[in-house]
């Protein structure tokens, strides 16, 4: 497995692996959230929303994206943003194909991104994730590489 800069011809593969990786996450979110709030967030289905999110992040000028490649196939990706005003780097999006999960690829992508952020002059890194059961593997990975939970509560109400 190697980590390389994202190239536009990898977009379809990155979308496919992301949607496969996030399916259990969105199943969990749907069970954990108020149905009206969930529907407001994802009116056309979570897949359509997340596909657009991946397309947007891969095309964004303010985002750096790398792809984990195994045997010439994309098996994971990570997107990182710099918030220079705060000297903070943000792991904005990360996914590993379910067929390749549990092999340390997510941890390697994060370690790679953290090293890049440090070299870029960032002094702190942040990642946001869900507290629902579907995000438990992500939380485990973040904690494994040294992230610590910042106690915050975010509430939603359908108007």
Protein backbone atom coordinates (compact mmCIF):
# COMPACT_ATOMS: atom_id res chain seq x y z
CA UNK A 1 0.00 0.00 0.00
CA UNK A 2 1.23 3.47 -0.85
CA UNK A 3 -0.16 6.94 -0.26
CA UNK A 4 -0.13 9.31 -3.22
CA UNK A 5 -1.62 12.68 -4.11
CA UNK A 6 -5.17 12.47 -5.41
CA UNK A 7 -5.60 12.64 -9.19
CA UNK A 8 -8.89 13.53 -10.91
CA UNK A 9 -9.07 10.14 -12.64
CA UNK A 10 -9.41 8.54 -9.17
CA UNK A 11 -12.68 10.36 -8.39
CA UNK A 12 -15.05 7.51 -9.26
CA UNK A 13 -13.02 5.00 -7.22
CA UNK A 14 -12.84 7.37 -4.25
CA UNK A 15 -16.61 7.94 -4.39
CA UNK A 16 -17.32 4.21 -4.61
CA UNK A 17 -15.08 3.26 -1.68
CA UNK A 18 -16.42 6.15 0.41
CA UNK A 19 -20.05 5.23 -0.09
CA UNK A 20 -19.30 1.61 0.77
CA UNK A 21 -17.33 2.65 3.86
CA UNK A 22 -19.97 5.08 5.10
CA UNK A 23 -23.04 2.86 4.59
CA UNK A 24 -22.99 1.45 8.16
CA UNK A 25 -22.30 4.94 9.50
CA UNK A 26 -25.40 6.40 7.87
CA UNK A 27 -27.50 3.39 8.88
CA UNK A 28 -26.43 4.11 12.46
CA UNK A 29 -27.07 7.85 12.14
CA UNK A 30 -30.54 7.26 10.78
CA UNK A 31 -31.37 5.13 13.84
CA UNK A 32 -29.79 7.62 16.25
CA UNK A 33 -31.29 10.85 14.88
CA UNK A 34 -34.77 12.29 14.91
CA UNK A 35 -36.34 11.16 11.61
CA UNK A 36 -37.36 14.69 10.56
CA UNK A 37 -33.89 16.08 11.25
CA UNK A 38 -32.24 13.20 9.36
CA UNK A 39 -34.56 13.75 6.38
CA UNK A 40 -33.74 17.47 6.40
CA UNK A 41 -30.02 16.73 6.35
CA UNK A 42 -30.35 14.09 3.60
CA UNK A 43 -33.49 14.90 1.57
CA UNK A 44 -32.35 13.05 -1.56
CA UNK A 45 -30.63 10.18 0.30
CA UNK A 46 -27.35 10.20 2.14
CA UNK A 47 -25.60 8.67 -0.88
CA UNK A 48 -26.41 11.64 -3.12
CA UNK A 49 -25.35 14.07 -0.41
CA UNK A 50 -22.10 12.26 0.35
CA UNK A 51 -21.22 11.77 -3.32
CA UNK A 52 -21.51 15.53 -3.79
CA UNK A 53 -19.48 16.13 -0.62
CA UNK A 54 -16.67 13.89 -1.92
CA UNK A 55 -16.78 15.52 -5.36
CA UNK A 56 -16.62 18.96 -3.76
CA UNK A 57 -13.77 18.14 -1.39
CA UNK A 58 -11.71 16.52 -4.14
CA UNK A 59 -12.12 19.64 -6.30
CA UNK A 60 -11.64 22.23 -3.53
CA UNK A 61 -8.60 24.45 -3.89
CA UNK A 62 -8.29 24.79 -0.10
CA UNK A 63 -8.15 21.05 0.53
CA UNK A 64 -5.29 18.59 0.15
CA UNK A 65 -6.34 15.04 -0.75
CA UNK A 66 -4.32 11.81 -0.78
CA UNK A 67 -5.31 8.30 -1.84
CA UNK A 68 -4.18 4.98 -0.39
CA UNK A 69 -3.45 2.66 -3.30
CA UNK A 70 -3.01 -1.10 -3.17
CA UNK A 71 -2.22 -3.03 -6.37
CA UNK A 72 -3.14 0.06 -8.43
CA UNK A 73 -6.60 0.32 -6.82
CA UNK A 74 -7.78 3.10 -4.53
CA UNK A 75 -8.53 1.56 -1.12
CA UNK A 76 -8.81 4.71 0.99
CA UNK A 77 -8.50 8.47 0.97
CA UNK A 78 -8.04 11.43 3.26
CA UNK A 79 -8.82 15.12 2.81
CA UNK A 80 -7.15 17.79 4.94
CA UNK A 81 -7.72 21.51 5.38
CA UNK A 82 -5.45 24.11 6.94
CA UNK A 83 -6.91 26.83 9.14
CA UNK A 84 -3.88 29.09 9.17
CA UNK A 85 -5.48 31.74 11.40
CA UNK A 86 -5.66 29.16 14.19
CA UNK A 87 -2.54 27.24 13.12
CA UNK A 88 -4.87 24.24 13.03
CA UNK A 89 -5.10 21.43 10.54
CA UNK A 90 -8.36 19.59 10.07
CA UNK A 91 -8.82 16.04 8.92
CA UNK A 92 -11.91 16.86 6.96
CA UNK A 93 -12.80 13.52 5.42
CA UNK A 94 -11.36 10.00 5.57
CA UNK A 95 -12.60 6.62 4.37
CA UNK A 96 -11.22 3.14 3.82
CA UNK A 97 -12.89 0.57 1.59
CA UNK A 98 -14.64 -2.02 3.80
CA UNK A 99 -12.69 -4.84 2.13
CA UNK A 100 -9.47 -3.22 3.41
CA UNK A 101 -10.57 -2.04 6.85
CA UNK A 102 -8.81 -3.39 9.91
CA UNK A 103 -5.39 -3.37 8.23
CA UNK A 104 -4.17 -0.02 9.58
CA UNK A 105 -4.77 1.92 6.36
CA UNK A 106 -6.87 4.57 8.12
CA UNK A 107 -4.18 5.02 10.76
CA UNK A 108 -1.50 5.30 8.07
CA UNK A 109 -3.51 7.89 6.15
CA UNK A 110 -4.02 9.92 9.32
CA UNK A 111 -0.35 9.68 10.35
CA UNK A 112 0.65 10.79 6.84
CA UNK A 113 -1.73 13.75 6.97
CA UNK A 114 -0.61 14.74 10.47
CA UNK A 115 3.04 14.74 9.39
CA UNK A 116 2.14 16.91 6.38
CA UNK A 117 0.20 19.34 8.59
CA UNK A 118 3.08 19.61 11.03
CA UNK A 119 5.51 20.27 8.19
CA UNK A 120 3.10 22.91 6.88
CA UNK A 121 3.41 24.76 10.20
CA UNK A 122 0.19 23.71 11.90
CA UNK A 123 0.49 23.31 15.67
CA UNK A 124 -2.74 21.42 16.35
CA UNK A 125 -4.93 18.98 14.46
CA UNK A 126 -8.66 18.41 14.70
CA UNK A 127 -11.06 15.78 13.44
CA UNK A 128 -14.81 15.65 13.96
CA UNK A 129 -16.88 12.48 14.05
CA UNK A 130 -20.15 11.12 15.36
CA UNK A 131 -20.86 9.68 18.80
CA UNK A 132 -23.28 7.06 17.43
CA UNK A 133 -22.35 3.34 17.27
CA UNK A 134 -21.63 3.54 13.52
CA UNK A 135 -18.76 5.93 14.15
CA UNK A 136 -17.13 3.73 16.83
CA UNK A 137 -14.43 2.41 14.45
CA UNK A 138 -13.54 5.99 13.43
CA UNK A 139 -13.34 7.10 17.06
CA UNK A 140 -11.11 4.12 17.83
CA UNK A 141 -8.77 5.01 14.96
CA UNK A 142 -8.54 8.66 16.00
CA UNK A 143 -7.82 7.76 19.61
CA UNK A 144 -5.28 5.16 18.50
CA UNK A 145 -3.23 7.83 16.73
CA UNK A 146 -3.40 10.17 19.73
CA UNK A 147 -6.47 12.37 19.29
CA UNK A 148 -8.29 13.24 22.50
CA UNK A 149 -11.99 13.96 22.84
CA UNK A 150 -12.98 17.61 23.22
CA UNK A 151 -16.21 17.71 25.21
CA UNK A 152 -18.80 19.44 23.08
CA UNK A 153 -22.51 18.90 22.60
CA UNK A 154 -24.30 19.78 19.38
CA UNK A 155 -28.09 19.64 19.36
CA UNK A 156 -30.52 19.78 16.46
CA UNK A 157 -34.23 20.47 16.25
CA UNK A 158 -36.41 20.42 13.17
CA UNK A 159 -38.24 23.75 12.75
